[in-house]
Amino acid sequence: TDMVMCCFRRKPFEQMMIRTPHIAQRLLEMTLDELDAAREWMLVLGRKTAREKIASLIAIIARRDAALSMQGMRGPLVFDLPLTREAM
């Protein structure tokens, strides 16, 4: 997977967050979404059978794909599963 990493100096970054509260709010929302996803994944890994884990993984990917594409969960949802059976 390709990735671009950006590094910011702390003080200028904090100042930018103060000057642009809408960006600070969006960053907080994104961080909380990632935290929710991590919590959900921890539950999947800890308390389910292998079959339930696969079903949960597919549901997580589907919800995330729908949220990113701004579709919501209305009607049938079709998405590409970017993992092989072995990777799951």
PDB file of N, CA and C in Angstrom:
ATOM      1  N   THR A   1       0.841  -1.185   0.000  1.00  0.00           N
ATOM      2  CA  THR A   1       0.000   0.000   0.000  1.00  0.00           C
ATOM      3  C   THR A   1       0.879   1.237   0.000  1.00  0.00           C
ATOM      4  N   ASP A   2       0.591   2.159  -0.911  1.00  0.00           N
ATOM      5  CA  ASP A   2       1.318   3.423  -0.935  1.00  0.00           C
ATOM      6  C   ASP A   2       0.877   4.281   0.236  1.00  0.00           C
ATOM      7  N   MET A   3       1.794   5.096   0.714  1.00  0.00           N
ATOM      8  CA  MET A   3       1.490   5.945   1.849  1.00  0.00           C
ATOM      9  C   MET A   3       2.289   7.234   1.744  1.00  0.00           C
ATOM     10  N   VAL A   4       1.674   8.324   2.165  1.00  0.00           N
ATOM     11  CA  VAL A   4       2.369   9.600   2.272  1.00  0.00           C
ATOM     12  C   VAL A   4       2.305  10.010   3.729  1.00  0.00           C
ATOM     13  N   MET A   5       3.443  10.314   4.302  1.00  0.00           N
ATOM     14  CA  MET A   5       3.492  10.699   5.708  1.00  0.00           C
ATOM     15  C   MET A   5       3.921  12.155   5.807  1.00  0.00           C
ATOM     16  N   CYS A   6       3.169  12.913   6.579  1.00  0.00           N
ATOM     17  CA  CYS A   6       3.494  14.324   6.795  1.00  0.00           C
ATOM     18  C   CYS A   6       3.843  14.524   8.264  1.00  0.00           C
ATOM     19  N   CYS A   7       4.881  15.264   8.505  1.00  0.00           N
ATOM     20  CA  CYS A   7       5.289  15.581   9.875  1.00  0.00           C
ATOM     21  C   CYS A   7       5.137  17.081  10.091  1.00  0.00           C
ATOM     22  N   PHE A   8       4.635  17.436  11.253  1.00  0.00           N
ATOM     23  CA  PHE A   8       4.432  18.843  11.593  1.00  0.00           C
ATOM     24  C   PHE A   8       5.139  19.138  12.909  1.00  0.00           C
ATOM     25  N   ARG A   9       5.654  20.327  13.025  1.00  0.00           N
ATOM     26  CA  ARG A   9       6.184  20.766  14.317  1.00  0.00           C
ATOM     27  C   ARG A   9       4.991  21.017  15.233  1.00  0.00           C
ATOM     28  N   ARG A  10       5.155  20.644  16.478  1.00  0.00           N
ATOM     29  CA  ARG A  10       4.030  20.665  17.413  1.00  0.00           C
ATOM     30  C   ARG A  10       3.424  22.058  17.589  1.00  0.00           C
ATOM     31  N   LYS A  11       4.241  23.038  17.893  1.00  0.00           N
ATOM     32  CA  LYS A  11       3.715  24.374  18.204  1.00  0.00           C
ATOM     33  C   LYS A  11       2.949  24.979  17.023  1.00  0.00           C
ATOM     34  N   PRO A  12       3.522  25.002  15.807  1.00  0.00           N
ATOM     35  CA  PRO A  12       2.754  25.546  14.676  1.00  0.00           C
ATOM     36  C   PRO A  12       1.467  24.760  14.408  1.00  0.00           C
ATOM     37  N   PHE A  13       1.514  23.444  14.624  1.00  0.00           N
ATOM     38  CA  PHE A  13       0.316  22.631  14.422  1.00  0.00           C
ATOM     39  C   PHE A  13      -0.764  23.014  15.430  1.00  0.00           C
ATOM     40  N   GLU A  14      -0.383  23.154  16.685  1.00  0.00           N
ATOM     41  CA  GLU A  14      -1.343  23.565  17.714  1.00  0.00           C
ATOM     42  C   GLU A  14      -1.916  24.945  17.415  1.00  0.00           C
ATOM     43  N   GLN A  15      -1.074  25.859  16.937  1.00  0.00           N
ATOM     44  CA  GLN A  15      -1.544  27.201  16.585  1.00  0.00           C
ATOM     45  C   GLN A  15      -2.539  27.148  15.426  1.00  0.00           C
ATOM     46  N   MET A  16      -2.264  26.295  14.448  1.00  0.00           N
ATOM     47  CA  MET A  16      -3.188  26.145  13.330  1.00  0.00           C
ATOM     48  C   MET A  16      -4.537  25.611  13.814  1.00  0.00           C
ATOM     49  N   MET A  17      -4.523  24.675  14.757  1.00  0.00           N
ATOM     50  CA  MET A  17      -5.770  24.133  15.299  1.00  0.00           C
ATOM     51  C   MET A  17      -6.572  25.221  16.012  1.00  0.00           C
ATOM     52  N   ILE A  18      -5.874  26.129  16.686  1.00  0.00           N
ATOM     53  CA  ILE A  18      -6.548  27.232  17.373  1.00  0.00           C
ATOM     54  C   ILE A  18      -7.146  28.203  16.359  1.00  0.00           C
ATOM     55  N   ARG A  19      -6.392  28.490  15.296  1.00  0.00           N
ATOM     56  CA  ARG A  19      -6.848  29.452  14.277  1.00  0.00           C
ATOM     57  C   ARG A  19      -7.961  28.899  13.390  1.00  0.00           C
ATOM     58  N   THR A  20      -8.014  27.601  13.227  1.00  0.00           N
ATOM     59  CA  THR A  20      -9.011  26.989  12.334  1.00  0.00           C
ATOM     60  C   THR A  20      -9.777  25.896  13.082  1.00  0.00           C
ATOM     61  N   PRO A  21     -10.751  26.300  13.890  1.00  0.00           N
ATOM     62  CA  PRO A  21     -11.468  25.324  14.717  1.00  0.00           C
ATOM     63  C   PRO A  21     -12.209  24.257  13.909  1.00  0.00           C
ATOM     64  N   HIS A  22     -12.627  24.565  12.687  1.00  0.00           N
ATOM     65  CA  HIS A  22     -13.321  23.543  11.901  1.00  0.00           C
ATOM     66  C   HIS A  22     -12.369  22.398  11.529  1.00  0.00           C
ATOM     67  N   ILE A  23     -11.099  22.711  11.313  1.00  0.00           N
ATOM     68  CA  ILE A  23     -10.115  21.661  11.042  1.00  0.00           C
ATOM     69  C   ILE A  23      -9.847  20.862  12.321  1.00  0.00           C
ATOM     70  N   ALA A  24      -9.746  21.552  13.438  1.00  0.00           N
ATOM     71  CA  ALA A  24      -9.539  20.867  14.718  1.00  0.00           C
ATOM     72  C   ALA A  24     -10.707  19.926  15.012  1.00  0.00           C
ATOM     73  N   GLN A  25     -11.929  20.387  14.748  1.00  0.00           N
ATOM     74  CA  GLN A  25     -13.116  19.562  14.981  1.00  0.00           C
ATOM     75  C   GLN A  25     -13.101  18.322  14.090  1.00  0.00           C
ATOM     76  N   ARG A  26     -12.768  18.503  12.831  1.00  0.00           N
ATOM     77  CA  ARG A  26     -12.730  17.368  11.902  1.00  0.00           C
ATOM     78  C   ARG A  26     -11.645  16.360  12.293  1.00  0.00           C
ATOM     79  N   LEU A  27     -10.499  16.864  12.701  1.00  0.00           N
ATOM     80  CA  LEU A  27      -9.414  15.986  13.148  1.00  0.00           C
ATOM     81  C   LEU A  27      -9.845  15.178  14.372  1.00  0.00           C
ATOM     82  N   LEU A  28     -10.545  15.820  15.292  1.00  0.00           N
ATOM     83  CA  LEU A  28     -11.062  15.120  16.467  1.00  0.00           C
ATOM     84  C   LEU A  28     -12.057  14.036  16.056  1.00  0.00           C
ATOM     85  N   GLU A  29     -12.970  14.361  15.134  1.00  0.00           N
ATOM     86  CA  GLU A  29     -13.943  13.375  14.664  1.00  0.00           C
ATOM     87  C   GLU A  29     -13.252  12.170  14.035  1.00  0.00           C
ATOM     88  N   MET A  30     -12.260  12.431  13.213  1.00  0.00           N
ATOM     89  CA  MET A  30     -11.533  11.339  12.558  1.00  0.00           C
ATOM     90  C   MET A  30     -10.803  10.469  13.579  1.00  0.00           C
ATOM     91  N   THR A  31     -10.215  11.109  14.572  1.00  0.00           N
ATOM     92  CA  THR A  31      -9.502  10.372  15.616  1.00  0.00           C
ATOM     93  C   THR A  31     -10.463   9.502  16.417  1.00  0.00           C
ATOM     94  N   LEU A  32     -11.627  10.049  16.752  1.00  0.00           N
ATOM     95  CA  LEU A  32     -12.619   9.275  17.500  1.00  0.00           C
ATOM     96  C   LEU A  32     -13.169   8.120  16.671  1.00  0.00           C
ATOM     97  N   ASP A  33     -13.340   8.329  15.361  1.00  0.00           N
ATOM     98  CA  ASP A  33     -13.778   7.238  14.482  1.00  0.00           C
ATOM     99  C   ASP A  33     -12.761   6.099  14.484  1.00  0.00           C
ATOM    100  N   GLU A  34     -11.489   6.453  14.427  1.00  0.00           N
ATOM    101  CA  GLU A  34     -10.439   5.427  14.449  1.00  0.00           C
ATOM    102  C   GLU A  34     -10.412   4.694  15.790  1.00  0.00           C
ATOM    103  N   LEU A  35     -10.644   5.423  16.874  1.00  0.00           N
ATOM    104  CA  LEU A  35     -10.695   4.801  18.197  1.00  0.00           C
ATOM    105  C   LEU A  35     -11.868   3.829  18.291  1.00  0.00           C
ATOM    106  N   ASP A  36     -13.033   4.234  17.779  1.00  0.00           N
ATOM    107  CA  ASP A  36     -14.191   3.336  17.757  1.00  0.00           C
ATOM    108  C   ASP A  36     -13.895   2.070  16.961  1.00  0.00           C
ATOM    109  N   ALA A  37     -13.244   2.233  15.814  1.00  0.00           N
ATOM    110  CA  ALA A  37     -12.905   1.077  14.980  1.00  0.00           C
ATOM    111  C   ALA A  37     -11.947   0.142  15.713  1.00  0.00           C
ATOM    112  N   ALA A  38     -10.986   0.708  16.417  1.00  0.00           N
ATOM    113  CA  ALA A  38     -10.029  -0.114  17.166  1.00  0.00           C
ATOM    114  C   ALA A  38     -10.728  -0.874  18.290  1.00  0.00           C
ATOM    115  N   ARG A  39     -11.644  -0.219  18.977  1.00  0.00           N
ATOM    116  CA  ARG A  39     -12.401  -0.891  20.048  1.00  0.00           C
ATOM    117  C   ARG A  39     -13.243  -2.027  19.483  1.00  0.00           C
ATOM    118  N   GLU A  40     -13.913  -1.746  18.372  1.00  0.00           N
ATOM    119  CA  GLU A  40     -14.742  -2.765  17.745  1.00  0.00           C
ATOM    120  C   GLU A  40     -13.888  -3.966  17.326  1.00  0.00           C
ATOM    121  N   TRP A  41     -12.724  -3.705  16.770  1.00  0.00           N
ATOM    122  CA  TRP A  41     -11.841  -4.781  16.334  1.00  0.00           C
ATOM    123  C   TRP A  41     -11.342  -5.604  17.523  1.00  0.00           C
ATOM    124  N   MET A  42     -11.069  -4.939  18.642  1.00  0.00           N
ATOM    125  CA  MET A  42     -10.637  -5.661  19.844  1.00  0.00           C
ATOM    126  C   MET A  42     -11.726  -6.623  20.317  1.00  0.00           C
ATOM    127  N   LEU A  43     -12.983  -6.201  20.239  1.00  0.00           N
ATOM    128  CA  LEU A  43     -14.086  -7.090  20.612  1.00  0.00           C
ATOM    129  C   LEU A  43     -14.171  -8.274  19.662  1.00  0.00           C
ATOM    130  N   VAL A  44     -13.998  -7.999  18.377  1.00  0.00           N
ATOM    131  CA  VAL A  44     -14.044  -9.073  17.384  1.00  0.00           C
ATOM    132  C   VAL A  44     -12.975 -10.109  17.682  1.00  0.00           C
ATOM    133  N   LEU A  45     -11.780  -9.661  17.969  1.00  0.00           N
ATOM    134  CA  LEU A  45     -10.670 -10.585  18.185  1.00  0.00           C
ATOM    135  C   LEU A  45     -10.806 -11.376  19.477  1.00  0.00           C
ATOM    136  N   GLY A  46     -11.483 -10.806  20.451  1.00  0.00           N
ATOM    137  CA  GLY A  46     -11.492 -11.424  21.763  1.00  0.00           C
ATOM    138  C   GLY A  46     -12.598 -12.402  22.064  1.00  0.00           C
ATOM    139  N   ARG A  47     -13.781 -12.214  21.514  1.00  0.00           N
ATOM    140  CA  ARG A  47     -14.927 -12.954  22.042  1.00  0.00           C
ATOM    141  C   ARG A  47     -15.726 -13.743  21.018  1.00  0.00           C
ATOM    142  N   LYS A  48     -15.201 -13.954  19.839  1.00  0.00           N
ATOM    143  CA  LYS A  48     -16.017 -14.586  18.813  1.00  0.00           C
ATOM    144  C   LYS A  48     -15.338 -15.815  18.227  1.00  0.00           C
ATOM    145  N   THR A  49     -16.173 -16.665  17.636  1.00  0.00           N
ATOM    146  CA  THR A  49     -15.642 -17.824  16.923  1.00  0.00           C
ATOM    147  C   THR A  49     -15.010 -17.341  15.618  1.00  0.00           C
ATOM    148  N   ALA A  50     -14.291 -18.225  14.942  1.00  0.00           N
ATOM    149  CA  ALA A  50     -13.651 -17.858  13.674  1.00  0.00           C
ATOM    150  C   ALA A  50     -14.691 -17.389  12.657  1.00  0.00           C
ATOM    151  N   ARG A  51     -15.804 -18.087  12.558  1.00  0.00           N
ATOM    152  CA  ARG A  51     -16.867 -17.707  11.618  1.00  0.00           C
ATOM    153  C   ARG A  51     -17.436 -16.327  11.968  1.00  0.00           C
ATOM    154  N   GLU A  52     -17.652 -16.084  13.246  1.00  0.00           N
ATOM    155  CA  GLU A  52     -18.169 -14.783  13.688  1.00  0.00           C
ATOM    156  C   GLU A  52     -17.158 -13.677  13.425  1.00  0.00           C
ATOM    157  N   LYS A  53     -15.878 -13.984  13.581  1.00  0.00           N
ATOM    158  CA  LYS A  53     -14.840 -12.987  13.316  1.00  0.00           C
ATOM    159  C   LYS A  53     -14.838 -12.578  11.848  1.00  0.00           C
ATOM    160  N   ILE A  54     -14.964 -13.552  10.942  1.00  0.00           N
ATOM    161  CA  ILE A  54     -15.001 -13.244   9.507  1.00  0.00           C
ATOM    162  C   ILE A  54     -16.236 -12.409   9.186  1.00  0.00           C
ATOM    163  N   ALA A  55     -17.390 -12.795   9.726  1.00  0.00           N
ATOM    164  CA  ALA A  55     -18.621 -12.035   9.494  1.00  0.00           C
ATOM    165  C   ALA A  55     -18.485 -10.610  10.021  1.00  0.00           C
ATOM    166  N   SER A  56     -17.901 -10.457  11.192  1.00  0.00           N
ATOM    167  CA  SER A  56     -17.699  -9.123  11.769  1.00  0.00           C
ATOM    168  C   SER A  56     -16.736  -8.299  10.933  1.00  0.00           C
ATOM    169  N   LEU A  57     -15.672  -8.927  10.448  1.00  0.00           N
ATOM    170  CA  LEU A  57     -14.710  -8.221   9.602  1.00  0.00           C
ATOM    171  C   LEU A  57     -15.387  -7.697   8.341  1.00  0.00           C
ATOM    172  N   ILE A  58     -16.197  -8.538   7.702  1.00  0.00           N
ATOM    173  CA  ILE A  58     -16.903  -8.106   6.491  1.00  0.00           C
ATOM    174  C   ILE A  58     -17.868  -6.971   6.814  1.00  0.00           C
ATOM    175  N   ALA A  59     -18.567  -7.060   7.930  1.00  0.00           N
ATOM    176  CA  ALA A  59     -19.491  -5.987   8.326  1.00  0.00           C
ATOM    177  C   ALA A  59     -18.745  -4.686   8.602  1.00  0.00           C
ATOM    178  N   ILE A  60     -17.596  -4.766   9.263  1.00  0.00           N
ATOM    179  CA  ILE A  60     -16.794  -3.571   9.545  1.00  0.00           C
ATOM    180  C   ILE A  60     -16.334  -2.927   8.243  1.00  0.00           C
ATOM    181  N   ILE A  61     -15.825  -3.742   7.319  1.00  0.00           N
ATOM    182  CA  ILE A  61     -15.358  -3.205   6.034  1.00  0.00           C
ATOM    183  C   ILE A  61     -16.516  -2.580   5.268  1.00  0.00           C
ATOM    184  N   ALA A  62     -17.678  -3.230   5.266  1.00  0.00           N
ATOM    185  CA  ALA A  62     -18.845  -2.703   4.552  1.00  0.00           C
ATOM    186  C   ALA A  62     -19.291  -1.366   5.131  1.00  0.00           C
ATOM    187  N   ARG A  63     -19.377  -1.278   6.456  1.00  0.00           N
ATOM    188  CA  ARG A  63     -19.788  -0.013   7.086  1.00  0.00           C
ATOM    189  C   ARG A  63     -18.795   1.097   6.796  1.00  0.00           C
ATOM    190  N   ARG A  64     -17.514   0.775   6.878  1.00  0.00           N
ATOM    191  CA  ARG A  64     -16.472   1.778   6.634  1.00  0.00           C
ATOM    192  C   ARG A  64     -16.496   2.234   5.177  1.00  0.00           C
ATOM    193  N   ASP A  65     -16.674   1.293   4.259  1.00  0.00           N
ATOM    194  CA  ASP A  65     -16.753   1.628   2.841  1.00  0.00           C
ATOM    195  C   ASP A  65     -17.959   2.521   2.567  1.00  0.00           C
ATOM    196  N   ALA A  66     -19.098   2.192   3.179  1.00  0.00           N
ATOM    197  CA  ALA A  66     -20.304   3.003   3.000  1.00  0.00           C
ATOM    198  C   ALA A  66     -20.105   4.405   3.562  1.00  0.00           C
ATOM    199  N   ALA A  67     -19.458   4.501   4.712  1.00  0.00           N
ATOM    200  CA  ALA A  67     -19.216   5.814   5.322  1.00  0.00           C
ATOM    201  C   ALA A  67     -18.264   6.645   4.468  1.00  0.00           C
ATOM    202  N   LEU A  68     -17.217   6.018   3.945  1.00  0.00           N
ATOM    203  CA  LEU A  68     -16.248   6.752   3.132  1.00  0.00           C
ATOM    204  C   LEU A  68     -16.835   7.189   1.802  1.00  0.00           C
ATOM    205  N   SER A  69     -17.749   6.395   1.249  1.00  0.00           N
ATOM    206  CA  SER A  69     -18.344   6.758  -0.034  1.00  0.00           C
ATOM    207  C   SER A  69     -19.597   7.603   0.147  1.00  0.00           C
ATOM    208  N   MET A  70     -19.930   7.910   1.396  1.00  0.00           N
ATOM    209  CA  MET A  70     -21.087   8.741   1.746  1.00  0.00           C
ATOM    210  C   MET A  70     -22.413   8.127   1.291  1.00  0.00           C
ATOM    211  N   GLN A  71     -22.466   6.816   1.114  1.00  0.00           N
ATOM    212  CA  GLN A  71     -23.694   6.148   0.726  1.00  0.00           C
ATOM    213  C   GLN A  71     -24.638   5.967   1.900  1.00  0.00           C
ATOM    214  N   GLY A  72     -24.091   5.769   3.053  1.00  0.00           N
ATOM    215  CA  GLY A  72     -24.903   5.347   4.176  1.00  0.00           C
ATOM    216  C   GLY A  72     -25.220   3.872   3.990  1.00  0.00           C
ATOM    217  N   MET A  73     -26.101   3.345   4.774  1.00  0.00           N
ATOM    218  CA  MET A  73     -26.422   1.919   4.695  1.00  0.00           C
ATOM    219  C   MET A  73     -27.822   1.731   4.112  1.00  0.00           C
ATOM    220  N   ARG A  74     -28.187   2.513   3.110  1.00  0.00           N
ATOM    221  CA  ARG A  74     -29.503   2.389   2.491  1.00  0.00           C
ATOM    222  C   ARG A  74     -29.446   1.376   1.356  1.00  0.00           C
ATOM    223  N   GLY A  75     -30.356   0.432   1.356  1.00  0.00           N
ATOM    224  CA  GLY A  75     -30.424  -0.536   0.271  1.00  0.00           C
ATOM    225  C   GLY A  75     -29.256  -1.502   0.282  1.00  0.00           C
ATOM    226  N   PRO A  76     -29.170  -2.298  -0.787  1.00  0.00           N
ATOM    227  CA  PRO A  76     -28.077  -3.273  -0.849  1.00  0.00           C
ATOM    228  C   PRO A  76     -26.727  -2.580  -0.965  1.00  0.00           C
ATOM    229  N   LEU A  77     -25.755  -3.145  -0.327  1.00  0.00           N
ATOM    230  CA  LEU A  77     -24.409  -2.571  -0.334  1.00  0.00           C
ATOM    231  C   LEU A  77     -23.476  -3.538  -1.039  1.00  0.00           C
ATOM    232  N   VAL A  78     -22.811  -3.042  -2.070  1.00  0.00           N
ATOM    233  CA  VAL A  78     -21.861  -3.849  -2.821  1.00  0.00           C
ATOM    234  C   VAL A  78     -20.491  -3.215  -2.661  1.00  0.00           C
ATOM    235  N   PHE A  79     -19.477  -4.030  -2.359  1.00  0.00           N
ATOM    236  CA  PHE A  79     -18.129  -3.496  -2.203  1.00  0.00           C
ATOM    237  C   PHE A  79     -17.117  -4.577  -2.537  1.00  0.00           C
ATOM    238  N   ASP A  80     -15.923  -4.132  -2.885  1.00  0.00           N
ATOM    239  CA  ASP A  80     -14.830  -5.061  -3.134  1.00  0.00           C
ATOM    240  C   ASP A  80     -14.219  -5.461  -1.805  1.00  0.00           C
ATOM    241  N   LEU A  81     -13.937  -6.728  -1.652  1.00  0.00           N
ATOM    242  CA  LEU A  81     -13.275  -7.215  -0.447  1.00  0.00           C
ATOM    243  C   LEU A  81     -11.782  -7.283  -0.741  1.00  0.00           C
ATOM    244  N   PRO A  82     -11.019  -6.364  -0.164  1.00  0.00           N
ATOM    245  CA  PRO A  82      -9.605  -6.235  -0.536  1.00  0.00           C
ATOM    246  C   PRO A  82      -8.678  -7.255   0.126  1.00  0.00           C
ATOM    247  N   LEU A  83      -9.223  -8.355   0.607  1.00  0.00           N
ATOM    248  CA  LEU A  83      -8.405  -9.344   1.311  1.00  0.00           C
ATOM    249  C   LEU A  83      -8.597 -10.731   0.711  1.00  0.00           C
ATOM    250  N   THR A  84      -7.557 -11.504   0.747  1.00  0.00           N
ATOM    251  CA  THR A  84      -7.677 -12.910   0.378  1.00  0.00           C
ATOM    252  C   THR A  84      -8.193 -13.684   1.582  1.00  0.00           C
ATOM    253  N   ARG A  85      -8.598 -14.902   1.371  1.00  0.00           N
ATOM    254  CA  ARG A  85      -9.048 -15.734   2.494  1.00  0.00           C
ATOM    255  C   ARG A  85      -7.925 -15.928   3.501  1.00  0.00           C
ATOM    256  N   GLU A  86      -6.709 -16.061   2.989  1.00  0.00           N
ATOM    257  CA  GLU A  86      -5.566 -16.250   3.879  1.00  0.00           C
ATOM    258  C   GLU A  86      -5.317 -15.014   4.740  1.00  0.00           C
ATOM    259  N   ALA A  87      -5.497 -13.832   4.154  1.00  0.00           N
ATOM    260  CA  ALA A  87      -5.253 -12.591   4.893  1.00  0.00           C
ATOM    261  C   ALA A  87      -6.270 -12.389   6.008  1.00  0.00           C
ATOM    262  N   MET A  88      -7.484 -12.897   5.802  1.00  0.00           N
ATOM    263  CA  MET A  88      -8.507 -12.755   6.838  1.00  0.00           C
ATOM    264  C   MET A  88      -8.122 -13.584   8.033  1.00  0.00           C
TER     265      MET A  88
END
